[in-house]
Amino acid sequence: MLSPQHVWITGASSGIGAALVHAYVDKGWHVIATARGKEALEAVANSSSKPDHVHLLTADLMDMDALPALVQSAWDTCGGIDLAIFNAGIAQWGTAVSSLQAVDDHVLTLNHRSPVACIKALLPKMQQVAHGRIAVVSSIAGLFGQSHLAAYSASKAALTVYMESLKEEVHMSPIRVHVVSPGVIRTGIMSRGLNAEGELMRNRDPSGRSGILPADAASQIQRLCNSRQFHLIIASPAERLGLFLHHCCPRLFYFLLRRKS
């Protein structure tokens, strides 16, 4: 019998992260689930098909000094990690000038610096055992600039290009890395995002009413992490058309985007 595989998922208490927990448990994996809130993690674990396969590891991923110890704890929980999916992140809405510097720093830390710090601690462990995969959840917002999303888009763009650079560094090794760039997913991410003053945007949630279901996104991410593909874009036909226009005809793309806004 094959040994059970172990996946570490951050941002596991809701949205794509919770859907990934359920998807991997359904496949027989053991899941190390990380988020700040223990009660929310327990709810995700208890609603999975095998709650005993979910190992809770609460943490504040903004605490940069604590991240090396967190990686060690995740590694020790199941005696190794076959796959890590760094999914935790935060949305933001505010103009470049009106957004407080502290808000920009918060977004850049959680969306870019935190997963990078975890990767720096985790990758040597995977290299030592010559086995492992690392995936990050970025965003199509990191593929083009948008009004009121400067910090968010910059954080996701930084994460995507960092992983592309890392891909080149490990391409001759057994380690594989992946990037996921979702479009609008029904996760409610904007309602938990920050406005220019750093307050929660509880009433701004277009993704809560439309978009791709988290379970469908999780299924696509599973296939990505079982392949040699590097970058997966999860997007609607309209979003894919927008990305094509941005690449081929940016003036038309931004003309249409401004009209939509």
Protein backbone atom coordinates (compact mmCIF):
# COMPACT_ATOMS: atom_id res chain seq x y z
CA MET A 1 0.00 0.00 0.00
CA LEU A 2 1.28 3.46 -0.88
CA SER A 3 2.04 5.79 2.01
CA PRO A 4 -0.51 8.60 2.43
CA GLN A 5 0.52 11.92 0.93
CA HIS A 6 0.63 15.15 2.87
CA VAL A 7 -0.35 18.62 1.68
CA TRP A 8 0.02 21.87 3.60
CA ILE A 9 -2.61 24.47 2.71
CA THR A 10 -2.59 28.04 4.04
CA GLY A 11 -5.66 30.24 4.02
CA ALA A 12 -7.56 27.00 4.62
CA SER A 13 -10.51 28.36 6.61
CA SER A 14 -12.59 29.61 3.66
CA GLY A 15 -12.87 30.03 -0.09
CA ILE A 16 -10.38 28.23 -2.31
CA GLY A 17 -8.38 27.06 0.69
CA ALA A 18 -11.35 25.30 2.31
CA ALA A 19 -12.30 23.77 -1.03
CA LEU A 20 -8.74 22.48 -1.42
CA VAL A 21 -8.88 20.88 2.03
CA HIS A 22 -12.04 19.00 1.07
CA ALA A 23 -10.71 18.05 -2.36
CA TYR A 24 -7.45 16.59 -1.04
CA VAL A 25 -9.13 14.76 1.84
CA ASP A 26 -11.50 13.20 -0.72
CA LYS A 27 -8.41 11.88 -2.54
CA GLY A 28 -7.12 10.26 0.64
CA TRP A 29 -4.45 12.85 1.46
CA HIS A 30 -3.62 14.09 4.92
CA VAL A 31 -4.03 17.86 5.04
CA ILE A 32 -2.20 20.31 7.28
CA ALA A 33 -4.63 23.22 7.36
CA THR A 34 -3.39 26.65 8.39
CA ALA A 35 -5.30 29.86 9.11
CA ARG A 36 -5.65 32.27 12.03
CA GLY A 37 -9.04 31.15 13.30
CA LYS A 38 -9.21 27.75 14.99
CA GLU A 39 -13.02 27.59 14.99
CA ALA A 40 -13.21 28.23 11.26
CA LEU A 41 -10.56 25.56 10.61
CA GLU A 42 -12.44 23.10 12.79
CA ALA A 43 -15.60 23.76 10.78
CA VAL A 44 -13.74 23.05 7.53
CA ALA A 45 -12.24 19.86 8.96
CA ASN A 46 -15.54 18.61 10.37
CA SER A 47 -17.32 19.20 7.07
CA SER A 48 -14.74 17.15 5.16
CA SER A 49 -15.22 13.49 4.25
CA LYS A 50 -12.45 12.39 6.66
CA PRO A 51 -12.04 14.87 9.53
CA ASP A 52 -9.28 12.76 11.05
CA HIS A 53 -7.18 13.45 7.93
CA VAL A 54 -7.16 17.19 8.64
CA HIS A 55 -4.44 18.44 10.99
CA LEU A 56 -5.00 21.98 12.25
CA LEU A 57 -2.09 24.37 12.51
CA THR A 58 -3.24 27.86 13.44
CA ALA A 59 -0.89 30.72 12.71
CA ASP A 60 -0.69 34.42 11.92
CA LEU A 61 1.07 34.51 8.55
CA MET A 62 1.77 38.22 9.05
CA ASP A 63 4.21 37.33 11.84
CA MET A 64 7.30 37.13 9.67
CA ASP A 65 9.65 36.25 12.54
CA ALA A 66 7.54 33.18 13.38
CA LEU A 67 7.38 31.73 9.87
CA PRO A 68 10.52 29.53 9.97
CA ALA A 69 9.19 27.82 13.11
CA LEU A 70 5.77 27.50 11.48
CA VAL A 71 7.31 25.73 8.47
CA GLN A 72 9.13 23.37 10.83
CA SER A 73 5.88 22.63 12.68
CA ALA A 74 4.08 21.93 9.40
CA TRP A 75 6.89 19.63 8.31
CA ASP A 76 6.91 17.76 11.61
CA THR A 77 3.12 17.36 11.79
CA CYS A 78 3.07 14.47 9.32
CA GLY A 79 6.78 13.76 9.00
CA GLY A 80 7.22 15.69 5.77
CA ILE A 81 5.31 17.62 3.13
CA ASP A 82 4.68 16.35 -0.38
CA LEU A 83 2.91 19.49 -1.54
CA ALA A 84 2.54 22.99 -0.11
CA ILE A 85 -0.13 25.34 -1.44
CA PHE A 86 0.32 28.91 -0.23
CA ASN A 87 -3.16 30.26 -0.71
CA ALA A 88 -3.52 32.83 2.08
CA GLY A 89 -3.97 36.40 0.91
CA ILE A 90 -5.95 39.58 1.29
CA ALA A 91 -7.72 41.90 -1.12
CA GLN A 92 -7.50 45.69 -1.12
CA TRP A 93 -9.39 48.57 -2.71
CA GLY A 94 -8.20 52.18 -2.74
CA THR A 95 -6.39 54.63 -4.95
CA ALA A 96 -2.61 54.66 -4.97
CA VAL A 97 -2.53 58.02 -3.16
CA SER A 98 -5.37 57.53 -0.69
CA SER A 99 -4.32 54.08 0.53
CA LEU A 100 -2.30 54.33 3.70
CA GLN A 101 1.26 53.08 3.54
CA ALA A 102 0.43 50.67 6.35
CA VAL A 103 -2.32 49.16 4.18
CA ASP A 104 0.05 48.71 1.23
CA ASP A 105 2.60 47.10 3.56
CA HIS A 106 -0.03 44.74 4.98
CA VAL A 107 -1.10 43.61 1.51
CA LEU A 108 2.44 43.16 0.25
CA THR A 109 3.46 41.25 3.36
CA LEU A 110 0.61 38.74 3.39
CA ASN A 111 0.39 38.28 -0.38
CA HIS A 112 4.11 38.23 -1.24
CA ARG A 113 6.63 38.42 1.59
CA SER A 114 4.95 35.79 3.77
CA PRO A 115 4.74 32.99 1.17
CA VAL A 116 8.27 33.81 0.01
CA ALA A 117 9.56 33.49 3.57
CA CYS A 118 7.79 30.14 3.92
CA ILE A 119 9.25 28.92 0.64
CA LYS A 120 12.75 29.92 1.75
CA ALA A 121 12.33 27.75 4.85
CA LEU A 122 10.54 24.86 3.14
CA LEU A 123 12.48 24.43 -0.10
CA PRO A 124 15.75 23.25 1.52
CA LYS A 125 13.80 20.52 3.35
CA MET A 126 12.29 19.32 0.08
CA GLN A 127 15.67 19.49 -1.63
CA GLN A 128 17.21 17.39 1.12
CA VAL A 129 14.71 14.57 0.50
CA ALA A 130 14.68 15.21 -3.28
CA HIS A 131 10.91 15.40 -3.35
CA GLY A 132 8.14 17.97 -3.18
CA ARG A 133 5.96 20.51 -4.93
CA ILE A 134 5.18 24.10 -4.07
CA ALA A 135 2.21 26.04 -5.43
CA VAL A 136 1.08 29.60 -4.78
CA VAL A 137 -2.29 31.18 -5.44
CA SER A 138 -1.71 34.49 -7.19
CA SER A 139 -4.35 36.32 -9.27
CA ILE A 140 -5.05 37.51 -12.78
CA ALA A 141 -4.91 40.95 -11.13
CA GLY A 142 -1.15 40.39 -11.07
CA LEU A 143 -1.11 40.20 -14.87
CA PHE A 144 -2.29 43.77 -15.51
CA GLY A 145 -2.78 47.03 -13.62
CA GLN A 146 -6.18 48.25 -12.50
CA SER A 147 -7.44 51.41 -10.88
CA HIS A 148 -7.85 51.11 -7.08
CA LEU A 149 -5.89 47.83 -7.00
CA ALA A 150 -2.30 49.07 -7.16
CA ALA A 151 -1.05 47.36 -3.99
CA TYR A 152 -2.99 44.15 -4.59
CA SER A 153 -1.94 43.83 -8.22
CA ALA A 154 1.67 44.63 -7.34
CA SER A 155 1.73 41.99 -4.59
CA LYS A 156 0.36 39.30 -6.90
CA ALA A 157 2.63 40.31 -9.78
CA ALA A 158 5.64 40.08 -7.46
CA LEU A 159 4.58 36.62 -6.31
CA THR A 160 4.05 35.35 -9.85
CA VAL A 161 7.41 36.58 -11.16
CA TYR A 162 9.19 35.32 -8.03
CA MET A 163 7.82 31.84 -8.71
CA GLU A 164 8.78 32.06 -12.38
CA SER A 165 12.33 32.83 -11.30
CA LEU A 166 12.24 29.99 -8.79
CA LYS A 167 11.02 27.63 -11.50
CA GLU A 168 14.22 28.31 -13.42
CA GLU A 169 16.35 27.69 -10.34
CA VAL A 170 14.85 24.25 -9.62
CA HIS A 171 14.18 23.05 -13.17
CA MET A 172 16.99 20.46 -13.01
CA SER A 173 15.83 19.14 -9.62
CA PRO A 174 12.96 16.83 -8.59
CA ILE A 175 11.15 19.83 -7.06
CA ARG A 176 8.26 21.32 -9.02
CA VAL A 177 6.68 24.74 -8.52
CA HIS A 178 3.35 26.08 -9.75
CA VAL A 179 1.42 29.36 -9.91
CA VAL A 180 -2.37 29.66 -9.97
CA SER A 181 -3.91 32.92 -11.21
CA PRO A 182 -7.65 32.89 -10.53
CA GLY A 183 -10.08 35.45 -11.85
CA VAL A 184 -13.35 36.04 -10.04
CA ILE A 185 -14.11 33.16 -7.68
CA ARG A 186 -17.11 32.98 -5.35
CA THR A 187 -15.09 33.37 -2.19
CA GLY A 188 -16.18 36.67 -0.66
CA ILE A 189 -12.55 37.82 -0.72
CA MET A 190 -13.47 41.48 -1.19
CA SER A 191 -15.69 41.52 1.89
CA ARG A 192 -12.62 40.51 3.92
CA GLY A 193 -10.32 42.92 2.08
CA LEU A 194 -9.09 46.30 3.21
CA ASN A 195 -10.11 49.76 2.05
CA ALA A 196 -7.73 52.72 1.81
CA GLU A 197 -7.88 53.28 5.59
CA GLY A 198 -7.31 49.61 6.44
CA GLU A 199 -10.91 48.85 7.36
CA LEU A 200 -12.76 45.73 6.22
CA MET A 201 -14.88 46.20 3.09
CA ARG A 202 -17.85 44.24 4.37
CA ASN A 203 -20.32 45.51 1.76
CA ARG A 204 -18.14 45.24 -1.33
CA ASP A 205 -18.30 41.67 -2.55
CA PRO A 206 -18.90 41.12 -6.28
CA SER A 207 -17.15 37.75 -6.15
CA GLY A 208 -19.65 36.54 -3.57
CA ARG A 209 -22.44 36.71 -6.13
CA SER A 210 -20.75 35.55 -9.33
CA GLY A 211 -17.69 33.80 -10.60
CA ILE A 212 -16.30 30.28 -10.57
CA LEU A 213 -17.18 28.00 -7.67
CA PRO A 214 -14.32 27.36 -5.22
CA ALA A 215 -14.76 23.60 -5.62
CA ASP A 216 -14.26 23.90 -9.37
CA ALA A 217 -11.15 26.01 -8.82
CA ALA A 218 -9.81 23.47 -6.32
CA SER A 219 -10.29 20.66 -8.83
CA GLN A 220 -8.29 22.56 -11.45
CA ILE A 221 -5.54 23.29 -8.92
CA GLN A 222 -5.33 19.61 -8.05
CA ARG A 223 -4.77 18.74 -11.71
CA LEU A 224 -2.12 21.44 -12.00
CA CYS A 225 -0.21 20.14 -8.99
CA ASN A 226 -0.21 16.66 -10.48
CA SER A 227 1.34 17.86 -13.73
CA ARG A 228 4.47 19.51 -15.08
CA GLN A 229 2.55 22.66 -16.00
CA PHE A 230 3.81 25.82 -14.33
CA HIS A 231 1.09 28.46 -14.62
CA LEU A 232 -2.65 27.92 -14.49
CA ILE A 233 -5.16 30.69 -15.18
CA ILE A 234 -8.64 30.01 -13.80
CA ALA A 235 -10.90 32.52 -15.51
CA SER A 236 -14.17 33.01 -17.32
CA PRO A 237 -14.24 33.41 -21.12
CA ALA A 238 -14.69 37.18 -20.69
CA GLU A 239 -11.66 37.38 -18.38
CA ARG A 240 -9.57 35.34 -20.82
CA LEU A 241 -10.59 37.67 -23.62
CA GLY A 242 -9.53 40.59 -21.46
CA LEU A 243 -6.10 39.06 -20.87
CA PHE A 244 -5.73 38.48 -24.60
CA LEU A 245 -6.65 42.09 -25.36
CA HIS A 246 -4.27 43.37 -22.68
CA HIS A 247 -1.45 41.45 -24.35
CA CYS A 248 -2.28 42.24 -27.97
CA CYS A 249 -4.07 45.59 -27.81
CA PRO A 250 -3.63 47.27 -24.40
CA ARG A 251 -5.14 50.59 -25.54
CA LEU A 252 -8.39 48.87 -26.46
CA PHE A 253 -8.27 46.80 -23.27
CA TYR A 254 -8.03 49.86 -21.01
CA PHE A 255 -10.62 51.75 -23.06
CA LEU A 256 -13.09 48.92 -22.42
CA LEU A 257 -12.04 48.54 -18.79
CA ARG A 258 -12.61 52.25 -18.11
CA ARG A 259 -16.04 52.10 -19.69
CA LYS A 260 -16.95 49.14 -17.51
CA SER A 261 -15.80 51.00 -14.41
